[in-house]
Amino acid sequence: MSPFNPRFSTEKQPEYTEGNAWQYLWLVPHDVAGLTALLGGRDKFDLRLDSLFSQSSDITDTGAPRMNPD
């Protein structure tokens, strides 16, 4: 897909279901060591993982379903 945006998400997209590339990157319950190596080692892995929790989780203008506050 071009341009690729790992955080892009819609309710119905052909690439992912109920998530996006950024969320599914971390879905490696049986090979965390392999993902750590793929991302460039422990320090780079830690920085990237920390960024998951320090960025806004708001999804706007993507067609994603919205929660009704009422």
N, C-alpha and C. Protein backbone atom coordinates (compact mmCIF):
# COMPACT_ATOMS: atom_id res chain seq x y z
N MET A 1 0.85 -1.16 0.00
CA MET A 1 0.00 0.00 0.00
C MET A 1 0.90 1.23 0.00
N SER A 2 0.58 2.16 -0.84
CA SER A 2 1.40 3.36 -0.92
C SER A 2 0.48 4.58 -1.01
N PRO A 3 0.69 5.58 -0.22
CA PRO A 3 1.70 5.68 0.84
C PRO A 3 1.28 4.85 2.06
N PHE A 4 2.25 4.27 2.73
CA PHE A 4 1.99 3.40 3.87
C PHE A 4 1.97 4.22 5.15
N ASN A 5 0.93 4.06 5.94
CA ASN A 5 0.81 4.71 7.24
C ASN A 5 0.47 3.61 8.25
N PRO A 6 1.41 3.22 9.11
CA PRO A 6 1.15 2.11 10.04
C PRO A 6 0.03 2.37 11.03
N ARG A 7 -0.34 3.63 11.23
CA ARG A 7 -1.39 3.95 12.19
C ARG A 7 -2.76 4.12 11.54
N PHE A 8 -2.84 3.98 10.22
CA PHE A 8 -4.12 4.11 9.52
C PHE A 8 -5.06 3.01 9.97
N SER A 9 -6.31 3.38 10.21
CA SER A 9 -7.29 2.40 10.64
C SER A 9 -8.68 2.81 10.18
N THR A 10 -9.43 1.86 9.68
CA THR A 10 -10.83 2.08 9.36
C THR A 10 -11.63 0.91 9.90
N GLU A 11 -12.92 1.06 9.91
CA GLU A 11 -13.76 -0.03 10.41
C GLU A 11 -13.61 -1.27 9.55
N LYS A 12 -13.55 -1.08 8.24
CA LYS A 12 -13.41 -2.21 7.33
C LYS A 12 -12.28 -1.89 6.35
N GLN A 13 -11.13 -2.48 6.56
CA GLN A 13 -10.02 -2.31 5.64
C GLN A 13 -9.50 -3.69 5.28
N PRO A 14 -9.02 -3.86 4.08
CA PRO A 14 -8.63 -5.20 3.65
C PRO A 14 -7.36 -5.73 4.31
N GLU A 15 -6.51 -4.86 4.82
CA GLU A 15 -5.22 -5.30 5.35
C GLU A 15 -5.29 -5.85 6.77
N TYR A 16 -6.15 -5.26 7.61
CA TYR A 16 -6.20 -5.62 9.03
C TYR A 16 -7.65 -5.66 9.49
N THR A 17 -7.88 -6.39 10.57
CA THR A 17 -9.20 -6.44 11.18
C THR A 17 -9.08 -5.96 12.62
N GLU A 18 -9.86 -4.94 12.96
CA GLU A 18 -9.90 -4.39 14.31
C GLU A 18 -8.54 -3.96 14.83
N GLY A 19 -7.75 -3.36 13.97
CA GLY A 19 -6.44 -2.88 14.36
C GLY A 19 -5.72 -2.30 13.16
N ASN A 20 -4.44 -2.01 13.34
CA ASN A 20 -3.63 -1.49 12.25
C ASN A 20 -2.22 -2.05 12.35
N ALA A 21 -1.35 -1.69 11.43
CA ALA A 21 0.01 -2.24 11.39
C ALA A 21 0.78 -1.91 12.65
N TRP A 22 0.59 -0.71 13.18
CA TRP A 22 1.30 -0.30 14.39
C TRP A 22 0.92 -1.19 15.57
N GLN A 23 -0.36 -1.51 15.71
CA GLN A 23 -0.80 -2.37 16.81
C GLN A 23 -0.35 -3.81 16.61
N TYR A 24 -0.46 -4.31 15.39
CA TYR A 24 -0.10 -5.71 15.13
C TYR A 24 1.40 -5.95 15.13
N LEU A 25 2.22 -4.90 15.03
CA LEU A 25 3.68 -5.06 15.12
C LEU A 25 4.05 -5.78 16.41
N TRP A 26 3.33 -5.49 17.47
CA TRP A 26 3.68 -6.01 18.80
C TRP A 26 3.09 -7.39 19.08
N LEU A 27 2.36 -7.97 18.17
CA LEU A 27 1.70 -9.26 18.38
C LEU A 27 2.66 -10.40 18.05
N VAL A 28 3.61 -10.63 18.95
CA VAL A 28 4.59 -11.71 18.78
C VAL A 28 4.78 -12.46 20.11
N PRO A 29 3.73 -13.04 20.64
CA PRO A 29 3.84 -13.65 21.97
C PRO A 29 4.85 -14.79 22.06
N HIS A 30 5.23 -15.38 20.93
CA HIS A 30 6.14 -16.51 20.97
C HIS A 30 7.55 -16.17 20.49
N ASP A 31 7.80 -14.90 20.09
CA ASP A 31 9.13 -14.55 19.60
C ASP A 31 9.48 -13.08 19.85
N VAL A 32 9.40 -12.67 21.10
CA VAL A 32 9.75 -11.30 21.46
C VAL A 32 11.23 -11.05 21.16
N ALA A 33 12.07 -12.04 21.38
CA ALA A 33 13.50 -11.88 21.09
C ALA A 33 13.73 -11.64 19.60
N GLY A 34 12.97 -12.33 18.76
CA GLY A 34 13.08 -12.13 17.32
C GLY A 34 12.66 -10.73 16.89
N LEU A 35 11.56 -10.22 17.48
CA LEU A 35 11.12 -8.86 17.17
C LEU A 35 12.15 -7.85 17.66
N THR A 36 12.70 -8.09 18.84
CA THR A 36 13.73 -7.20 19.38
C THR A 36 14.91 -7.11 18.42
N ALA A 37 15.36 -8.24 17.91
CA ALA A 37 16.47 -8.25 16.95
C ALA A 37 16.07 -7.55 15.64
N LEU A 38 14.86 -7.79 15.17
CA LEU A 38 14.38 -7.18 13.93
C LEU A 38 14.34 -5.66 14.02
N LEU A 39 14.03 -5.14 15.19
CA LEU A 39 13.93 -3.69 15.38
C LEU A 39 15.27 -3.04 15.72
N GLY A 40 16.33 -3.82 15.76
CA GLY A 40 17.66 -3.22 15.95
C GLY A 40 18.27 -3.38 17.32
N GLY A 41 17.75 -4.27 18.13
CA GLY A 41 18.33 -4.50 19.45
C GLY A 41 17.46 -3.96 20.57
N ARG A 42 17.88 -4.26 21.78
CA ARG A 42 17.08 -3.95 22.98
C ARG A 42 16.82 -2.45 23.14
N ASP A 43 17.83 -1.61 22.96
CA ASP A 43 17.64 -0.17 23.16
C ASP A 43 16.63 0.40 22.17
N LYS A 44 16.75 0.05 20.91
CA LYS A 44 15.81 0.56 19.90
C LYS A 44 14.42 -0.02 20.12
N PHE A 45 14.36 -1.28 20.50
CA PHE A 45 13.07 -1.90 20.82
C PHE A 45 12.38 -1.15 21.95
N ASP A 46 13.14 -0.88 23.03
CA ASP A 46 12.57 -0.17 24.18
C ASP A 46 12.05 1.21 23.81
N LEU A 47 12.82 1.95 23.00
CA LEU A 47 12.39 3.28 22.57
C LEU A 47 11.10 3.21 21.75
N ARG A 48 11.04 2.24 20.87
CA ARG A 48 9.85 2.11 20.03
C ARG A 48 8.64 1.68 20.84
N LEU A 49 8.85 0.77 21.78
CA LEU A 49 7.76 0.35 22.64
C LEU A 49 7.28 1.50 23.52
N ASP A 50 8.20 2.28 24.08
CA ASP A 50 7.83 3.45 24.87
C ASP A 50 6.98 4.42 24.06
N SER A 51 7.30 4.57 22.78
CA SER A 51 6.55 5.52 21.94
C SER A 51 5.10 5.06 21.77
N LEU A 52 4.86 3.76 21.89
CA LEU A 52 3.48 3.25 21.79
C LEU A 52 2.61 3.86 22.89
N PHE A 53 3.20 4.06 24.06
CA PHE A 53 2.44 4.57 25.20
C PHE A 53 2.49 6.08 25.35
N SER A 54 3.38 6.74 24.62
CA SER A 54 3.52 8.19 24.77
C SER A 54 2.84 8.97 23.65
N GLN A 55 2.30 8.30 22.65
CA GLN A 55 1.61 8.98 21.55
C GLN A 55 0.11 8.93 21.78
N SER A 56 -0.56 9.89 21.22
CA SER A 56 -2.02 9.94 21.34
C SER A 56 -2.64 8.71 20.67
N SER A 57 -3.66 8.17 21.28
CA SER A 57 -4.37 7.03 20.69
C SER A 57 -5.62 7.47 19.93
N ASP A 58 -5.82 8.79 19.82
CA ASP A 58 -6.97 9.29 19.09
C ASP A 58 -6.87 8.92 17.61
N ILE A 59 -7.97 8.48 17.06
CA ILE A 59 -8.06 8.17 15.63
C ILE A 59 -9.05 9.15 15.04
N THR A 60 -8.58 9.98 14.11
CA THR A 60 -9.47 10.98 13.52
C THR A 60 -9.41 10.91 12.00
N ASP A 61 -10.51 11.26 11.36
CA ASP A 61 -10.59 11.34 9.91
C ASP A 61 -10.17 10.07 9.19
N THR A 62 -10.49 8.92 9.77
CA THR A 62 -10.11 7.66 9.14
C THR A 62 -11.31 6.77 8.82
N GLY A 63 -12.47 7.19 9.24
CA GLY A 63 -13.65 6.35 9.05
C GLY A 63 -13.81 5.33 10.17
N ALA A 64 -12.96 5.43 11.20
CA ALA A 64 -13.06 4.50 12.31
C ALA A 64 -14.35 4.76 13.09
N PRO A 65 -14.94 3.71 13.66
CA PRO A 65 -16.17 3.92 14.42
C PRO A 65 -15.92 4.80 15.62
N ARG A 66 -16.87 5.62 15.99
CA ARG A 66 -16.75 6.53 17.10
C ARG A 66 -17.65 6.04 18.25
N MET A 67 -17.17 6.25 19.46
CA MET A 67 -17.98 5.93 20.63
C MET A 67 -19.02 7.03 20.81
N ASN A 68 -20.22 6.67 21.15
CA ASN A 68 -21.27 7.65 21.42
C ASN A 68 -21.24 7.97 22.91
N PRO A 69 -20.94 9.24 23.28
CA PRO A 69 -20.82 9.57 24.72
C PRO A 69 -22.14 9.56 25.46
N ASP A 70 -23.26 9.48 24.78
CA ASP A 70 -24.56 9.48 25.46
C ASP A 70 -24.96 8.13 25.96
